Amino acid sequence: MCRNIKTLFNFEPPATDDEIDAAALQFVRKISGSTKPSTPNEEAFHNAVAEVSAAAKALLESLVTTAAPRNREVEAARARERAAQRFGR
């Protein structure tokens, strides 16, 4: 899985449209192997991002859980701690 794509489900506050769109863009970049598509592929690339974003939004809206929502600040602190241990910073 691409490291730049973060979990978006079950957070308080919920994921924003911008976060979902950014994840969709990262996903399309990853599977296409291109960060900026060539001119002939630009429309297909942007259509794919829009479709993946719409699918992700639908998925997030339909998922259910009994777990308490996670706190973004706590999760970010945990991620920083893991990165410090992993990279020694």
C-alpha atoms as a PDB file:
ATOM      1  CA  MET A   1       0.000   0.000   0.000  1.00  0.00           C
ATOM      2  CA  CYS A   2       1.188   3.491  -0.738  1.00  0.00           C
ATOM      3  CA  ARG A   3       2.507   5.085   2.440  1.00  0.00           C
ATOM      4  CA  ASN A   4       1.033   8.458   1.517  1.00  0.00           C
ATOM      5  CA  ILE A   5      -2.510   7.135   1.619  1.00  0.00           C
ATOM      6  CA  LYS A   6      -3.809   7.368   5.169  1.00  0.00           C
ATOM      7  CA  THR A   7      -6.721   5.630   6.841  1.00  0.00           C
ATOM      8  CA  LEU A   8      -9.744   7.905   6.610  1.00  0.00           C
ATOM      9  CA  PHE A   9     -12.466   5.868   8.303  1.00  0.00           C
ATOM     10  CA  ASN A  10     -13.727   6.319  11.857  1.00  0.00           C
ATOM     11  CA  PHE A  11     -12.123   9.628  12.771  1.00  0.00           C
ATOM     12  CA  GLU A  12     -13.620  12.538  14.628  1.00  0.00           C
ATOM     13  CA  PRO A  13     -14.064  14.852  12.822  1.00  0.00           C
ATOM     14  CA  PRO A  14     -14.750  12.747   9.719  1.00  0.00           C
ATOM     15  CA  ALA A  15     -12.469  12.871   6.692  1.00  0.00           C
ATOM     16  CA  THR A  16     -12.926  15.949   4.537  1.00  0.00           C
ATOM     17  CA  ASP A  17     -13.553  15.923   0.801  1.00  0.00           C
ATOM     18  CA  ASP A  18     -10.033  17.318   0.329  1.00  0.00           C
ATOM     19  CA  GLU A  19      -8.507  14.395   2.245  1.00  0.00           C
ATOM     20  CA  ILE A  20     -10.490  11.895   0.199  1.00  0.00           C
ATOM     21  CA  ASP A  21      -9.545  13.619  -3.057  1.00  0.00           C
ATOM     22  CA  ALA A  22      -5.858  13.642  -2.044  1.00  0.00           C
ATOM     23  CA  ALA A  23      -5.981   9.910  -1.295  1.00  0.00           C
ATOM     24  CA  ALA A  24      -7.655   9.272  -4.662  1.00  0.00           C
ATOM     25  CA  LEU A  25      -4.960  11.288  -6.437  1.00  0.00           C
ATOM     26  CA  GLN A  26      -2.203   9.343  -4.669  1.00  0.00           C
ATOM     27  CA  PHE A  27      -3.870   6.049  -5.583  1.00  0.00           C
ATOM     28  CA  VAL A  28      -4.186   6.967  -9.272  1.00  0.00           C
ATOM     29  CA  ARG A  29      -0.587   8.220  -9.327  1.00  0.00           C
ATOM     30  CA  LYS A  30       0.581   4.960  -7.798  1.00  0.00           C
ATOM     31  CA  ILE A  31      -1.247   2.624 -10.168  1.00  0.00           C
ATOM     32  CA  SER A  32      -0.516   4.729 -13.266  1.00  0.00           C
ATOM     33  CA  GLY A  33       3.146   5.169 -12.391  1.00  0.00           C
ATOM     34  CA  SER A  34       2.884   8.853 -13.190  1.00  0.00           C
ATOM     35  CA  THR A  35       2.693  11.938 -11.008  1.00  0.00           C
ATOM     36  CA  LYS A  36       1.795  14.153 -13.948  1.00  0.00           C
ATOM     37  CA  PRO A  37       0.165  12.510 -16.955  1.00  0.00           C
ATOM     38  CA  SER A  38       1.110  13.345 -20.521  1.00  0.00           C
ATOM     39  CA  THR A  39      -1.269  15.603 -22.429  1.00  0.00           C
ATOM     40  CA  PRO A  40      -3.016  12.730 -24.260  1.00  0.00           C
ATOM     41  CA  ASN A  41      -3.585  10.942 -20.927  1.00  0.00           C
ATOM     42  CA  GLU A  42      -4.581  13.960 -18.862  1.00  0.00           C
ATOM     43  CA  GLU A  43      -8.348  13.566 -19.273  1.00  0.00           C
ATOM     44  CA  ALA A  44      -8.261   9.848 -18.444  1.00  0.00           C
ATOM     45  CA  PHE A  45      -6.078  10.565 -15.401  1.00  0.00           C
ATOM     46  CA  HIS A  46      -8.429  13.252 -14.038  1.00  0.00           C
ATOM     47  CA  ASN A  47     -11.491  11.093 -14.738  1.00  0.00           C
ATOM     48  CA  ALA A  48      -9.884   8.239 -12.820  1.00  0.00           C
ATOM     49  CA  VAL A  49      -9.159  10.513  -9.852  1.00  0.00           C
ATOM     50  CA  ALA A  50     -12.783  11.695  -9.819  1.00  0.00           C
ATOM     51  CA  GLU A  51     -14.145   8.140 -10.035  1.00  0.00           C
ATOM     52  CA  VAL A  52     -11.840   6.817  -7.293  1.00  0.00           C
ATOM     53  CA  SER A  53     -12.746   9.784  -5.098  1.00  0.00           C
ATOM     54  CA  ALA A  54     -16.465   9.168  -5.595  1.00  0.00           C
ATOM     55  CA  ALA A  55     -16.037   5.463  -4.815  1.00  0.00           C
ATOM     56  CA  ALA A  56     -14.026   6.275  -1.680  1.00  0.00           C
ATOM     57  CA  LYS A  57     -16.661   8.740  -0.471  1.00  0.00           C
ATOM     58  CA  ALA A  58     -19.407   6.172  -1.038  1.00  0.00           C
ATOM     59  CA  LEU A  59     -17.393   3.556   0.820  1.00  0.00           C
ATOM     60  CA  LEU A  60     -16.708   5.814   3.813  1.00  0.00           C
ATOM     61  CA  GLU A  61     -20.385   6.789   4.015  1.00  0.00           C
ATOM     62  CA  SER A  62     -21.535   3.159   3.962  1.00  0.00           C
ATOM     63  CA  LEU A  63     -19.079   1.682   6.479  1.00  0.00           C
ATOM     64  CA  VAL A  64     -20.296   1.070  10.024  1.00  0.00           C
ATOM     65  CA  THR A  65     -18.432   0.289  13.216  1.00  0.00           C
ATOM     66  CA  THR A  66     -19.086  -0.114  16.907  1.00  0.00           C
ATOM     67  CA  ALA A  67     -15.616   1.232  17.781  1.00  0.00           C
ATOM     68  CA  ALA A  68     -15.281   4.708  19.185  1.00  0.00           C
ATOM     69  CA  PRO A  69     -14.018   7.305  16.697  1.00  0.00           C
ATOM     70  CA  ARG A  70     -10.251   7.802  16.727  1.00  0.00           C
ATOM     71  CA  ASN A  71      -8.677  11.124  17.581  1.00  0.00           C
ATOM     72  CA  ARG A  72      -6.609  12.617  14.761  1.00  0.00           C
ATOM     73  CA  GLU A  73      -4.108  14.257  17.109  1.00  0.00           C
ATOM     74  CA  VAL A  74      -3.453  11.035  19.031  1.00  0.00           C
ATOM     75  CA  GLU A  75      -3.015   9.045  15.816  1.00  0.00           C
ATOM     76  CA  ALA A  76      -0.642  11.685  14.402  1.00  0.00           C
ATOM     77  CA  ALA A  77       1.458  11.570  17.587  1.00  0.00           C
ATOM     78  CA  ARG A  78       1.651   7.775  17.347  1.00  0.00           C
ATOM     79  CA  ALA A  79       2.731   8.012  13.715  1.00  0.00           C
ATOM     80  CA  ARG A  80       5.456  10.532  14.599  1.00  0.00           C
ATOM     81  CA  GLU A  81       6.691   8.222  17.365  1.00  0.00           C
ATOM     82  CA  ARG A  82       6.808   5.233  14.995  1.00  0.00           C
ATOM     83  CA  ALA A  83       8.694   7.325  12.428  1.00  0.00           C
ATOM     84  CA  ALA A  84      11.200   8.461  15.066  1.00  0.00           C
ATOM     85  CA  GLN A  85      11.840   4.861  16.101  1.00  0.00           C
ATOM     86  CA  ARG A  86      12.066   3.681  12.518  1.00  0.00           C
ATOM     87  CA  PHE A  87      14.293   6.449  11.178  1.00  0.00           C
ATOM     88  CA  GLY A  88      16.063   7.397  14.414  1.00  0.00           C
ATOM     89  CA  ARG A  89      15.094  11.059  14.434  1.00  0.00           C
END
